[in-house]
Amino acid sequence: MKRVLALAILAGAGYFAYQRVAGGGASSGAAKVAEELFGHWARGRTDYALPLTEGSQPKQTLEDRTVRNVMNPIVMQTIHKNDVKVLSATKSPDGNETTLDVEQMIGYDPPGVESAVRSAMSVSFRHKATLKKSGEAWKVTKLEIGPPINLWGK
């Protein structure tokens, strides 16, 4: 029993070490900002997402293409889950600009269905974000909100 516990602890430590090393590239700061921005977008918190942007294009996109505008606003009542995964990252030669292709899955409940355990429905999106390093912080300078894909699937 002690060996199994020790093995489980070592496996967990190895996993977290791998995640830290694998996610520690130059674009990891940009990826974290993009994940945060799309998380706020999914929950309709444009006021929290706007400070993560620079320039008029991403601000206008966030205001015009809210998650409830992209989907029928009647469809989504409660958002439970938001998973953002970076599919690809392209860095500029100087490393101060990164373009990310992102897949986002949002789990939600439609009106009349409240689930305490898990989301009743899900929807996926593909987005593109270009981020520039502004001082020490990454800011989204160009934003493309994709249409819903896999609208009703799990």
Foldseek 3Di string as FASTA:
>chain_A
DVVVVVVVVVVVVVVVVCCCVVLVDLCNQVVVLVLVLVVCLQVVNLVVNVVQADDDAVNVCSVCPRVCNLPPVQFFDAWDDKDKDWPDWDADPVSFKIKTWIKMKIAGEHPPDDDPPGGPFMWMWIKMFMWGCDPPHIHTYHIDTGHIDPGGHD
